[in-house]
Amino acid sequence: VFRRFLDTGYPPVRTAREAADGTVICRCEMIRAETLRKASQSVGTDPNALKRALRVGMGPCQGRMCAHSIADLIAQDNATSPGEIGIHAIRPPILPVSFGTLAEIDLQRAQ
């Protein structure tokens, strides 16, 4: 659900199918196509495994700019479709807040 919200607000660009080895795919973490290709051979094609191995999609954009490009690149190199590869799990930068913390907020000062 959250991923669909992000994709609606920030439509992904699918341009990585034929990316040269030196092409930066994940701008936040500066991961190049060659690095992704090598990792997919050793780690596998699972986007979450690639995320754990390379930190791809873990920068400030949380994969909004690179997730679909990664799927396209890996699918092209493994003769499959981007839909079969999928995209990594999104972990929104949200932290739980306790009721105690909420109760301590000074509403007069916050305005």
C-alpha atoms as a PDB file:
ATOM      1  CA  VAL A   1       0.000   0.000   0.000  1.00  0.00           C
ATOM      2  CA  PHE A   2       2.737   2.487   0.953  1.00  0.00           C
ATOM      3  CA  ARG A   3       4.754   1.549  -2.131  1.00  0.00           C
ATOM      4  CA  ARG A   4       1.763   2.304  -4.405  1.00  0.00           C
ATOM      5  CA  PHE A   5       1.366   5.684  -2.697  1.00  0.00           C
ATOM      6  CA  LEU A   6       5.025   6.531  -3.355  1.00  0.00           C
ATOM      7  CA  ASP A   7       4.880   5.332  -6.963  1.00  0.00           C
ATOM      8  CA  THR A   8       1.850   7.543  -7.571  1.00  0.00           C
ATOM      9  CA  GLY A   9       3.541  10.615  -6.127  1.00  0.00           C
ATOM     10  CA  TYR A  10       6.959   9.857  -7.610  1.00  0.00           C
ATOM     11  CA  PRO A  11       6.504   7.809 -10.781  1.00  0.00           C
ATOM     12  CA  PRO A  12       9.463   5.487 -11.405  1.00  0.00           C
ATOM     13  CA  VAL A  13      11.481   5.757 -14.586  1.00  0.00           C
ATOM     14  CA  ARG A  14      12.278   2.500 -16.350  1.00  0.00           C
ATOM     15  CA  THR A  15      15.522   3.124 -18.176  1.00  0.00           C
ATOM     16  CA  ALA A  16      18.010   0.596 -16.823  1.00  0.00           C
ATOM     17  CA  ARG A  17      17.417  -2.447 -19.046  1.00  0.00           C
ATOM     18  CA  GLU A  18      20.428  -1.747 -21.235  1.00  0.00           C
ATOM     19  CA  ALA A  19      22.484   0.262 -18.737  1.00  0.00           C
ATOM     20  CA  ALA A  20      26.243   0.308 -19.246  1.00  0.00           C
ATOM     21  CA  ASP A  21      28.345  -1.082 -16.401  1.00  0.00           C
ATOM     22  CA  GLY A  22      29.406   2.371 -15.230  1.00  0.00           C
ATOM     23  CA  THR A  23      25.854   3.740 -15.031  1.00  0.00           C
ATOM     24  CA  VAL A  24      24.807   4.773 -11.522  1.00  0.00           C
ATOM     25  CA  ILE A  25      21.520   3.024 -10.778  1.00  0.00           C
ATOM     26  CA  CYS A  26      21.099   3.959  -7.108  1.00  0.00           C
ATOM     27  CA  ARG A  27      22.102   7.616  -6.799  1.00  0.00           C
ATOM     28  CA  CYS A  28      21.734   7.767  -3.024  1.00  0.00           C
ATOM     29  CA  GLU A  29      24.204   4.945  -2.406  1.00  0.00           C
ATOM     30  CA  MET A  30      26.171   5.390  -5.677  1.00  0.00           C
ATOM     31  CA  ILE A  31      25.626   1.785  -6.794  1.00  0.00           C
ATOM     32  CA  ARG A  32      26.545   1.141 -10.420  1.00  0.00           C
ATOM     33  CA  ALA A  33      25.007  -1.347 -12.844  1.00  0.00           C
ATOM     34  CA  GLU A  34      28.139  -3.510 -12.823  1.00  0.00           C
ATOM     35  CA  THR A  35      27.974  -3.852  -9.031  1.00  0.00           C
ATOM     36  CA  LEU A  36      24.326  -4.893  -9.208  1.00  0.00           C
ATOM     37  CA  ARG A  37      25.025  -7.432 -11.939  1.00  0.00           C
ATOM     38  CA  LYS A  38      27.846  -9.033  -9.956  1.00  0.00           C
ATOM     39  CA  ALA A  39      25.783  -9.075  -6.771  1.00  0.00           C
ATOM     40  CA  SER A  40      22.844 -10.708  -8.545  1.00  0.00           C
ATOM     41  CA  GLN A  41      25.158 -13.538  -9.607  1.00  0.00           C
ATOM     42  CA  SER A  42      26.479 -14.126  -6.081  1.00  0.00           C
ATOM     43  CA  VAL A  43      23.550 -13.076  -3.860  1.00  0.00           C
ATOM     44  CA  GLY A  44      20.674 -13.876  -6.214  1.00  0.00           C
ATOM     45  CA  THR A  45      17.960 -11.866  -7.878  1.00  0.00           C
ATOM     46  CA  ASP A  46      15.835 -11.202  -4.792  1.00  0.00           C
ATOM     47  CA  PRO A  47      15.650  -7.404  -4.435  1.00  0.00           C
ATOM     48  CA  ASN A  48      15.673  -7.663  -0.625  1.00  0.00           C
ATOM     49  CA  ALA A  49      18.877  -9.730  -0.714  1.00  0.00           C
ATOM     50  CA  LEU A  50      20.467  -7.133  -2.991  1.00  0.00           C
ATOM     51  CA  LYS A  51      19.302  -4.412  -0.622  1.00  0.00           C
ATOM     52  CA  ARG A  52      20.934  -6.171   2.336  1.00  0.00           C
ATOM     53  CA  ALA A  53      24.150  -6.831   0.434  1.00  0.00           C
ATOM     54  CA  LEU A  54      24.620  -3.430  -1.211  1.00  0.00           C
ATOM     55  CA  ARG A  55      22.391  -0.962   0.686  1.00  0.00           C
ATOM     56  CA  VAL A  56      20.740  -0.260  -2.661  1.00  0.00           C
ATOM     57  CA  GLY A  57      17.438   1.534  -2.090  1.00  0.00           C
ATOM     58  CA  MET A  58      18.327   2.472   1.483  1.00  0.00           C
ATOM     59  CA  GLY A  59      19.275   6.103   0.891  1.00  0.00           C
ATOM     60  CA  PRO A  60      17.128   9.190   1.409  1.00  0.00           C
ATOM     61  CA  CYS A  61      14.783   8.338  -1.483  1.00  0.00           C
ATOM     62  CA  GLN A  62      14.090   4.860   0.006  1.00  0.00           C
ATOM     63  CA  GLY A  63      14.187   3.314  -3.466  1.00  0.00           C
ATOM     64  CA  ARG A  64      11.672   5.643  -5.109  1.00  0.00           C
ATOM     65  CA  MET A  65      14.214   6.530  -7.789  1.00  0.00           C
ATOM     66  CA  CYS A  66      15.909   3.162  -8.299  1.00  0.00           C
ATOM     67  CA  ALA A  67      13.669   0.244  -7.294  1.00  0.00           C
ATOM     68  CA  HIS A  68      12.087  -0.260 -10.705  1.00  0.00           C
ATOM     69  CA  SER A  69      15.385   0.351 -12.489  1.00  0.00           C
ATOM     70  CA  ILE A  70      16.987  -2.368 -10.371  1.00  0.00           C
ATOM     71  CA  ALA A  71      14.170  -4.784 -11.254  1.00  0.00           C
ATOM     72  CA  ASP A  72      14.544  -3.943 -14.960  1.00  0.00           C
ATOM     73  CA  LEU A  73      18.320  -4.380 -14.926  1.00  0.00           C
ATOM     74  CA  ILE A  74      18.263  -7.676 -13.035  1.00  0.00           C
ATOM     75  CA  ALA A  75      15.384  -9.004 -15.170  1.00  0.00           C
ATOM     76  CA  GLN A  76      17.221  -8.178 -18.404  1.00  0.00           C
ATOM     77  CA  ASP A  77      20.373  -9.941 -17.206  1.00  0.00           C
ATOM     78  CA  ASN A  78      18.470 -13.013 -16.041  1.00  0.00           C
ATOM     79  CA  ALA A  79      16.075 -13.375 -19.012  1.00  0.00           C
ATOM     80  CA  THR A  80      12.964 -12.805 -16.918  1.00  0.00           C
ATOM     81  CA  SER A  81      10.445 -10.020 -16.421  1.00  0.00           C
ATOM     82  CA  PRO A  82      10.670  -7.128 -13.943  1.00  0.00           C
ATOM     83  CA  GLY A  83       7.380  -8.360 -12.467  1.00  0.00           C
ATOM     84  CA  GLU A  84       8.988 -11.675 -11.550  1.00  0.00           C
ATOM     85  CA  ILE A  85      11.932  -9.887  -9.934  1.00  0.00           C
ATOM     86  CA  GLY A  86       9.760  -7.392  -8.063  1.00  0.00           C
ATOM     87  CA  ILE A  87      10.977  -4.526  -5.924  1.00  0.00           C
ATOM     88  CA  HIS A  88      12.475  -4.493  -2.453  1.00  0.00           C
ATOM     89  CA  ALA A  89      10.310  -4.095   0.635  1.00  0.00           C
ATOM     90  CA  ILE A  90       9.755  -0.486   1.562  1.00  0.00           C
ATOM     91  CA  ARG A  91      10.393   0.543   5.136  1.00  0.00           C
ATOM     92  CA  PRO A  92       8.993   4.027   5.616  1.00  0.00           C
ATOM     93  CA  PRO A  93      11.073   6.278   7.849  1.00  0.00           C
ATOM     94  CA  ILE A  94       8.449   6.225  10.582  1.00  0.00           C
ATOM     95  CA  LEU A  95       9.060   5.446  14.246  1.00  0.00           C
ATOM     96  CA  PRO A  96       6.367   4.435  16.729  1.00  0.00           C
ATOM     97  CA  VAL A  97       5.534   7.006  19.403  1.00  0.00           C
ATOM     98  CA  SER A  98       4.275   5.941  22.814  1.00  0.00           C
ATOM     99  CA  PHE A  99       1.152   7.420  24.394  1.00  0.00           C
ATOM    100  CA  GLY A 100       3.366   8.703  27.210  1.00  0.00           C
ATOM    101  CA  THR A 101       5.434  10.741  24.768  1.00  0.00           C
ATOM    102  CA  LEU A 102       2.301  12.122  23.145  1.00  0.00           C
ATOM    103  CA  ALA A 103       0.866  13.059  26.548  1.00  0.00           C
ATOM    104  CA  GLU A 104       4.014  15.033  27.391  1.00  0.00           C
ATOM    105  CA  ILE A 105       3.744  17.329  24.362  1.00  0.00           C
ATOM    106  CA  ASP A 106       3.175  20.955  25.375  1.00  0.00           C
ATOM    107  CA  LEU A 107       0.427  21.931  22.948  1.00  0.00           C
ATOM    108  CA  GLN A 108       0.550  25.615  23.874  1.00  0.00           C
ATOM    109  CA  ARG A 109       4.236  25.850  22.989  1.00  0.00           C
ATOM    110  CA  ALA A 110       3.831  23.782  19.785  1.00  0.00           C
ATOM    111  CA  GLN A 111       1.496  26.383  18.218  1.00  0.00           C
END
